[in-house]
N, C-alpha and C. Protein backbone atom coordinates (compact mmCIF):
# COMPACT_ATOMS: atom_id res chain seq x y z
N MET A 1 -32.91 -72.04 54.77
CA MET A 1 -32.01 -73.15 54.94
C MET A 1 -31.95 -73.91 53.61
N SER A 2 -30.76 -74.23 53.17
CA SER A 2 -30.61 -74.96 51.92
C SER A 2 -30.66 -76.47 52.16
N PHE A 3 -30.53 -77.20 51.10
CA PHE A 3 -30.68 -78.65 51.15
C PHE A 3 -29.67 -79.33 52.07
N LEU A 4 -28.43 -78.89 52.05
CA LEU A 4 -27.39 -79.59 52.81
C LEU A 4 -27.09 -78.98 54.17
N GLU A 5 -27.83 -77.95 54.58
CA GLU A 5 -27.61 -77.36 55.89
C GLU A 5 -28.39 -78.16 56.94
N PRO A 6 -27.73 -78.51 58.03
CA PRO A 6 -28.45 -79.26 59.07
C PRO A 6 -29.38 -78.34 59.85
N SER A 7 -30.37 -78.92 60.44
CA SER A 7 -31.33 -78.19 61.25
C SER A 7 -30.64 -77.68 62.52
N PRO A 8 -30.99 -76.49 62.99
CA PRO A 8 -30.43 -76.01 64.26
C PRO A 8 -30.80 -76.90 65.44
N VAL A 9 -31.98 -77.52 65.39
CA VAL A 9 -32.38 -78.43 66.46
C VAL A 9 -31.47 -79.66 66.46
N LEU A 10 -31.15 -80.17 65.29
CA LEU A 10 -30.24 -81.31 65.20
C LEU A 10 -28.86 -80.95 65.73
N LEU A 11 -28.37 -79.78 65.38
CA LEU A 11 -27.06 -79.34 65.88
C LEU A 11 -27.08 -79.19 67.40
N ALA A 12 -28.17 -78.65 67.94
CA ALA A 12 -28.29 -78.51 69.39
C ALA A 12 -28.31 -79.88 70.07
N PHE A 13 -29.02 -80.84 69.47
CA PHE A 13 -29.08 -82.18 70.04
C PHE A 13 -27.71 -82.84 70.01
N ILE A 14 -27.01 -82.76 68.90
CA ILE A 14 -25.68 -83.37 68.82
C ILE A 14 -24.73 -82.74 69.82
N PHE A 15 -24.79 -81.41 69.95
CA PHE A 15 -23.94 -80.73 70.93
C PHE A 15 -24.27 -81.19 72.35
N ALA A 16 -25.57 -81.25 72.67
CA ALA A 16 -25.97 -81.67 74.01
C ALA A 16 -25.58 -83.12 74.26
N GLN A 17 -25.73 -83.96 73.24
CA GLN A 17 -25.42 -85.38 73.39
C GLN A 17 -23.93 -85.61 73.60
N ARG A 18 -23.10 -84.87 72.91
CA ARG A 18 -21.66 -85.10 72.98
C ARG A 18 -20.95 -84.32 74.07
N PHE A 19 -21.40 -83.09 74.35
CA PHE A 19 -20.60 -82.22 75.20
C PHE A 19 -21.31 -81.72 76.46
N VAL A 20 -22.56 -82.06 76.67
CA VAL A 20 -23.26 -81.54 77.84
C VAL A 20 -23.83 -82.67 78.70
N PHE A 21 -24.51 -83.62 78.10
CA PHE A 21 -25.30 -84.60 78.83
C PHE A 21 -24.48 -85.39 79.85
N PHE A 22 -23.43 -86.04 79.42
CA PHE A 22 -22.67 -86.90 80.33
C PHE A 22 -21.88 -86.09 81.36
N GLU A 23 -21.48 -84.89 81.00
CA GLU A 23 -20.77 -84.06 81.96
C GLU A 23 -21.69 -83.62 83.09
N VAL A 24 -22.93 -83.24 82.74
CA VAL A 24 -23.90 -82.84 83.76
C VAL A 24 -24.30 -84.05 84.61
N LEU A 25 -24.52 -85.19 83.96
CA LEU A 25 -24.87 -86.39 84.71
C LEU A 25 -23.74 -86.79 85.66
N ALA A 26 -22.51 -86.65 85.23
CA ALA A 26 -21.38 -86.97 86.12
C ALA A 26 -21.34 -86.02 87.31
N ALA A 27 -21.62 -84.74 87.08
CA ALA A 27 -21.65 -83.78 88.18
C ALA A 27 -22.75 -84.13 89.18
N LEU A 28 -23.92 -84.50 88.68
CA LEU A 28 -25.01 -84.90 89.57
C LEU A 28 -24.65 -86.18 90.33
N ALA A 29 -23.98 -87.10 89.66
CA ALA A 29 -23.56 -88.34 90.32
C ALA A 29 -22.54 -88.08 91.41
N VAL A 30 -21.62 -87.15 91.17
CA VAL A 30 -20.64 -86.80 92.20
C VAL A 30 -21.34 -86.17 93.40
N LEU A 31 -22.31 -85.29 93.13
CA LEU A 31 -23.08 -84.71 94.23
C LEU A 31 -23.79 -85.80 95.03
N ARG A 32 -24.38 -86.77 94.34
CA ARG A 32 -25.07 -87.86 95.03
C ARG A 32 -24.08 -88.72 95.81
N LEU A 33 -22.88 -88.90 95.28
CA LEU A 33 -21.88 -89.68 96.01
C LEU A 33 -21.50 -89.00 97.32
N PHE A 34 -21.38 -87.68 97.29
CA PHE A 34 -21.01 -86.96 98.51
C PHE A 34 -22.18 -86.83 99.48
N ALA A 35 -23.39 -86.64 98.95
CA ALA A 35 -24.54 -86.37 99.81
C ALA A 35 -25.29 -87.63 100.20
N GLY A 36 -25.17 -88.68 99.42
CA GLY A 36 -25.94 -89.88 99.68
C GLY A 36 -25.39 -90.68 100.84
N ARG A 37 -26.24 -91.57 101.31
CA ARG A 37 -25.82 -92.48 102.37
C ARG A 37 -26.17 -93.89 101.95
N GLY A 38 -25.35 -94.83 102.33
CA GLY A 38 -25.65 -96.24 102.11
C GLY A 38 -25.77 -96.60 100.64
N MET A 39 -26.87 -97.28 100.32
CA MET A 39 -27.08 -97.80 98.97
C MET A 39 -27.38 -96.71 97.94
N ALA A 40 -27.65 -95.49 98.36
CA ALA A 40 -27.91 -94.40 97.41
C ALA A 40 -26.66 -94.06 96.61
N ARG A 41 -25.51 -94.44 97.12
CA ARG A 41 -24.25 -94.13 96.44
C ARG A 41 -23.96 -95.09 95.28
N LEU A 42 -24.46 -96.30 95.34
CA LEU A 42 -24.13 -97.29 94.32
C LEU A 42 -24.63 -96.90 92.92
N PRO A 43 -25.89 -96.51 92.73
CA PRO A 43 -26.31 -96.09 91.38
C PRO A 43 -25.56 -94.85 90.90
N ALA A 44 -25.23 -93.97 91.84
CA ALA A 44 -24.47 -92.78 91.45
C ALA A 44 -23.07 -93.15 90.98
N LEU A 45 -22.45 -94.11 91.63
CA LEU A 45 -21.12 -94.54 91.23
C LEU A 45 -21.15 -95.19 89.85
N VAL A 46 -22.14 -96.04 89.59
CA VAL A 46 -22.25 -96.69 88.29
C VAL A 46 -22.51 -95.65 87.19
N ALA A 47 -23.41 -94.69 87.47
CA ALA A 47 -23.69 -93.63 86.50
C ALA A 47 -22.45 -92.77 86.26
N LEU A 48 -21.66 -92.54 87.30
CA LEU A 48 -20.42 -91.77 87.14
C LEU A 48 -19.43 -92.52 86.27
N LEU A 49 -19.31 -93.83 86.46
CA LEU A 49 -18.39 -94.63 85.63
C LEU A 49 -18.84 -94.65 84.16
N ILE A 50 -20.14 -94.77 83.92
CA ILE A 50 -20.64 -94.75 82.55
C ILE A 50 -20.39 -93.38 81.93
N SER A 51 -20.63 -92.33 82.68
CA SER A 51 -20.40 -90.97 82.18
C SER A 51 -18.92 -90.73 81.90
N ALA A 52 -18.07 -91.21 82.77
CA ALA A 52 -16.63 -91.04 82.56
C ALA A 52 -16.18 -91.78 81.31
N ALA A 53 -16.72 -92.96 81.07
CA ALA A 53 -16.37 -93.71 79.86
C ALA A 53 -16.84 -92.96 78.62
N ALA A 54 -18.03 -92.37 78.67
CA ALA A 54 -18.54 -91.63 77.52
C ALA A 54 -17.72 -90.37 77.26
N VAL A 55 -17.34 -89.67 78.32
CA VAL A 55 -16.51 -88.47 78.16
C VAL A 55 -15.15 -88.85 77.60
N PHE A 56 -14.61 -89.97 78.08
CA PHE A 56 -13.33 -90.44 77.54
C PHE A 56 -13.44 -90.74 76.05
N ALA A 57 -14.50 -91.42 75.64
CA ALA A 57 -14.67 -91.76 74.23
C ALA A 57 -14.87 -90.52 73.38
N THR A 58 -15.49 -89.49 73.93
CA THR A 58 -15.70 -88.26 73.18
C THR A 58 -14.39 -87.50 72.96
N PHE A 59 -13.57 -87.42 73.98
CA PHE A 59 -12.37 -86.60 73.89
C PHE A 59 -11.09 -87.37 73.60
N ALA A 60 -11.14 -88.69 73.51
CA ALA A 60 -9.95 -89.49 73.24
C ALA A 60 -9.28 -89.13 71.91
N PRO A 61 -10.03 -88.94 70.82
CA PRO A 61 -9.34 -88.58 69.58
C PRO A 61 -8.62 -87.23 69.65
N ALA A 62 -9.13 -86.32 70.45
CA ALA A 62 -8.49 -85.00 70.57
C ALA A 62 -7.14 -85.07 71.27
N VAL A 63 -6.97 -86.04 72.14
CA VAL A 63 -5.70 -86.18 72.86
C VAL A 63 -4.93 -87.41 72.41
N ASN A 64 -5.30 -87.93 71.25
CA ASN A 64 -4.60 -89.04 70.60
C ASN A 64 -4.60 -90.31 71.45
N LEU A 65 -5.74 -90.62 72.05
CA LEU A 65 -5.88 -91.85 72.83
C LEU A 65 -6.81 -92.85 72.17
N GLN A 66 -7.11 -92.65 70.90
CA GLN A 66 -8.04 -93.56 70.22
C GLN A 66 -7.41 -94.91 69.91
N THR A 67 -6.14 -95.09 70.17
CA THR A 67 -5.50 -96.38 69.92
C THR A 67 -5.54 -97.28 71.16
N THR A 68 -6.07 -96.78 72.26
CA THR A 68 -6.17 -97.62 73.45
C THR A 68 -7.20 -98.72 73.21
N PRO A 69 -7.01 -99.88 73.79
CA PRO A 69 -7.91 -101.00 73.52
C PRO A 69 -9.37 -100.74 73.96
N VAL A 70 -9.56 -99.97 75.00
CA VAL A 70 -10.91 -99.77 75.51
C VAL A 70 -11.69 -98.73 74.69
N TYR A 71 -11.00 -97.87 73.96
CA TYR A 71 -11.67 -96.81 73.21
C TYR A 71 -12.64 -97.38 72.16
N ALA A 72 -12.23 -98.36 71.41
CA ALA A 72 -13.07 -98.91 70.35
C ALA A 72 -14.35 -99.53 70.92
N ASP A 73 -14.22 -100.22 72.04
CA ASP A 73 -15.40 -100.82 72.67
C ASP A 73 -16.38 -99.76 73.16
N ILE A 74 -15.85 -98.74 73.82
CA ILE A 74 -16.72 -97.68 74.33
C ILE A 74 -17.37 -96.93 73.18
N ALA A 75 -16.62 -96.65 72.12
CA ALA A 75 -17.17 -95.92 70.98
C ALA A 75 -18.28 -96.73 70.30
N ARG A 76 -18.12 -98.04 70.22
CA ARG A 76 -19.18 -98.88 69.65
C ARG A 76 -20.44 -98.85 70.50
N ILE A 77 -20.26 -98.94 71.81
CA ILE A 77 -21.42 -98.89 72.71
C ILE A 77 -22.08 -97.51 72.64
N GLN A 78 -21.26 -96.49 72.54
CA GLN A 78 -21.79 -95.13 72.48
C GLN A 78 -22.58 -94.88 71.19
N ALA A 79 -22.28 -95.60 70.14
CA ALA A 79 -22.97 -95.42 68.86
C ALA A 79 -24.23 -96.26 68.72
N LEU A 80 -24.49 -97.15 69.66
CA LEU A 80 -25.68 -98.00 69.58
C LEU A 80 -26.95 -97.17 69.59
N GLY A 81 -27.89 -97.55 68.78
CA GLY A 81 -29.19 -96.89 68.77
C GLY A 81 -29.12 -95.42 68.40
N GLY A 82 -28.23 -95.07 67.53
CA GLY A 82 -28.10 -93.67 67.15
C GLY A 82 -27.51 -92.82 68.26
N GLY A 83 -26.82 -93.44 69.19
CA GLY A 83 -26.21 -92.72 70.29
C GLY A 83 -27.12 -92.53 71.48
N MET A 84 -28.27 -93.19 71.50
CA MET A 84 -29.23 -93.00 72.59
C MET A 84 -29.20 -94.10 73.65
N VAL A 85 -28.57 -95.22 73.37
CA VAL A 85 -28.59 -96.32 74.34
C VAL A 85 -27.78 -95.97 75.59
N MET A 86 -26.58 -95.49 75.41
CA MET A 86 -25.72 -95.20 76.55
C MET A 86 -26.30 -94.09 77.45
N PRO A 87 -26.81 -92.99 76.90
CA PRO A 87 -27.43 -91.99 77.79
C PRO A 87 -28.65 -92.52 78.53
N LEU A 88 -29.47 -93.31 77.86
CA LEU A 88 -30.66 -93.83 78.53
C LEU A 88 -30.30 -94.85 79.61
N VAL A 89 -29.29 -95.66 79.36
CA VAL A 89 -28.85 -96.62 80.38
C VAL A 89 -28.28 -95.87 81.58
N ALA A 90 -27.45 -94.86 81.33
CA ALA A 90 -26.87 -94.08 82.43
C ALA A 90 -27.96 -93.38 83.24
N CYS A 91 -28.96 -92.84 82.55
CA CYS A 91 -30.08 -92.18 83.25
C CYS A 91 -30.90 -93.18 84.04
N GLY A 92 -31.13 -94.34 83.46
CA GLY A 92 -31.89 -95.36 84.16
C GLY A 92 -31.19 -95.82 85.42
N VAL A 93 -29.89 -96.00 85.32
CA VAL A 93 -29.12 -96.42 86.50
C VAL A 93 -29.17 -95.34 87.57
N PHE A 94 -28.95 -94.09 87.17
CA PHE A 94 -28.96 -93.00 88.14
C PHE A 94 -30.35 -92.81 88.75
N ALA A 95 -31.39 -93.05 87.96
CA ALA A 95 -32.75 -92.87 88.46
C ALA A 95 -33.12 -93.92 89.51
N THR A 96 -32.42 -95.02 89.55
CA THR A 96 -32.74 -96.03 90.57
C THR A 96 -32.43 -95.51 91.98
N SER A 97 -31.58 -94.50 92.10
CA SER A 97 -31.32 -93.93 93.42
C SER A 97 -32.54 -93.20 93.96
N LEU A 98 -33.50 -92.93 93.09
CA LEU A 98 -34.75 -92.30 93.50
C LEU A 98 -35.52 -93.18 94.47
N PHE A 99 -35.38 -94.48 94.36
CA PHE A 99 -36.13 -95.43 95.16
C PHE A 99 -35.40 -95.89 96.42
N VAL A 100 -34.22 -95.34 96.64
CA VAL A 100 -33.44 -95.70 97.82
C VAL A 100 -33.80 -94.71 98.94
N PRO A 101 -34.23 -95.21 100.10
CA PRO A 101 -34.67 -94.29 101.16
C PRO A 101 -33.55 -93.46 101.79
N GLN A 102 -32.30 -93.88 101.67
CA GLN A 102 -31.21 -93.15 102.31
C GLN A 102 -30.71 -91.95 101.51
N ARG A 103 -31.33 -91.64 100.39
CA ARG A 103 -30.81 -90.54 99.59
C ARG A 103 -31.14 -89.21 100.26
N ARG A 104 -30.28 -88.25 100.06
CA ARG A 104 -30.51 -86.89 100.55
C ARG A 104 -30.43 -85.97 99.35
N TRP A 105 -30.75 -84.73 99.58
CA TRP A 105 -30.72 -83.71 98.53
C TRP A 105 -31.60 -84.14 97.37
N ARG A 106 -32.86 -84.20 97.60
CA ARG A 106 -33.82 -84.65 96.59
C ARG A 106 -33.85 -83.75 95.36
N TRP A 107 -33.34 -82.53 95.48
CA TRP A 107 -33.29 -81.63 94.33
C TRP A 107 -32.38 -82.18 93.24
N ILE A 108 -31.46 -83.05 93.57
CA ILE A 108 -30.61 -83.68 92.55
C ILE A 108 -31.49 -84.51 91.62
N ASP A 109 -32.47 -85.22 92.18
CA ASP A 109 -33.38 -86.01 91.36
C ASP A 109 -34.23 -85.12 90.46
N MET A 110 -34.64 -83.96 90.96
CA MET A 110 -35.44 -83.04 90.15
C MET A 110 -34.60 -82.49 89.00
N LEU A 111 -33.37 -82.12 89.27
CA LEU A 111 -32.49 -81.65 88.19
C LEU A 111 -32.27 -82.74 87.15
N HIS A 112 -32.09 -83.96 87.63
CA HIS A 112 -31.91 -85.09 86.72
C HIS A 112 -33.15 -85.28 85.85
N LEU A 113 -34.31 -85.22 86.46
CA LEU A 113 -35.56 -85.39 85.72
C LEU A 113 -35.73 -84.29 84.66
N PHE A 114 -35.49 -83.03 85.04
CA PHE A 114 -35.60 -81.94 84.07
C PHE A 114 -34.60 -82.09 82.93
N GLY A 115 -33.39 -82.52 83.25
CA GLY A 115 -32.38 -82.73 82.21
C GLY A 115 -32.76 -83.84 81.25
N VAL A 116 -33.29 -84.94 81.78
CA VAL A 116 -33.72 -86.05 80.92
C VAL A 116 -34.89 -85.62 80.03
N ILE A 117 -35.83 -84.88 80.59
CA ILE A 117 -36.96 -84.40 79.79
C ILE A 117 -36.48 -83.48 78.68
N ALA A 118 -35.56 -82.58 78.99
CA ALA A 118 -35.03 -81.67 77.96
C ALA A 118 -34.27 -82.45 76.89
N PHE A 119 -33.46 -83.42 77.31
CA PHE A 119 -32.69 -84.21 76.35
C PHE A 119 -33.60 -85.04 75.45
N LEU A 120 -34.58 -85.68 76.04
CA LEU A 120 -35.52 -86.47 75.24
C LEU A 120 -36.38 -85.58 74.35
N GLY A 121 -36.70 -84.38 74.82
CA GLY A 121 -37.43 -83.43 73.99
C GLY A 121 -36.64 -83.02 72.76
N LEU A 122 -35.35 -82.77 72.95
CA LEU A 122 -34.48 -82.47 71.79
C LEU A 122 -34.42 -83.65 70.84
N TRP A 123 -34.30 -84.84 71.39
CA TRP A 123 -34.22 -86.03 70.55
C TRP A 123 -35.51 -86.22 69.74
N ILE A 124 -36.65 -86.05 70.40
CA ILE A 124 -37.93 -86.17 69.70
C ILE A 124 -38.08 -85.09 68.64
N ALA A 125 -37.61 -83.89 68.95
CA ALA A 125 -37.69 -82.79 67.98
C ALA A 125 -36.84 -83.07 66.74
N THR A 126 -35.77 -83.82 66.89
CA THR A 126 -34.97 -84.15 65.71
C THR A 126 -35.64 -85.21 64.85
N ARG A 127 -36.56 -85.97 65.44
CA ARG A 127 -37.27 -87.02 64.71
C ARG A 127 -38.47 -86.50 63.93
N LEU A 128 -38.96 -85.32 64.29
CA LEU A 128 -40.15 -84.76 63.63
C LEU A 128 -39.82 -84.11 62.30
């Protein structure tokens, strides 16, 4: 690897951060919305809205929507903390459904946990 070539781990992290993480979290949130009962749906709905905003901010320039008033705000929030604030907030919100007794399909929580561990592992690997 030469001086200006990025690390493959860094490229994998950026790809996961931009094109995988929020899409998978949104899919898990939709599953929780359909399978959950009562208050278990609220954290899933909030996580879905955060994920939808992040996906919008990622793909807005490709479809020429970066001039919308909300795009700049979402892009600024998405860039906070090196791009880690928004994913961690979305994960934290979704993880609160773990403590709601009316939730069903507990395997959704396990998938969420494994995904967060993998994502944080990639992030830590980029810091080493």
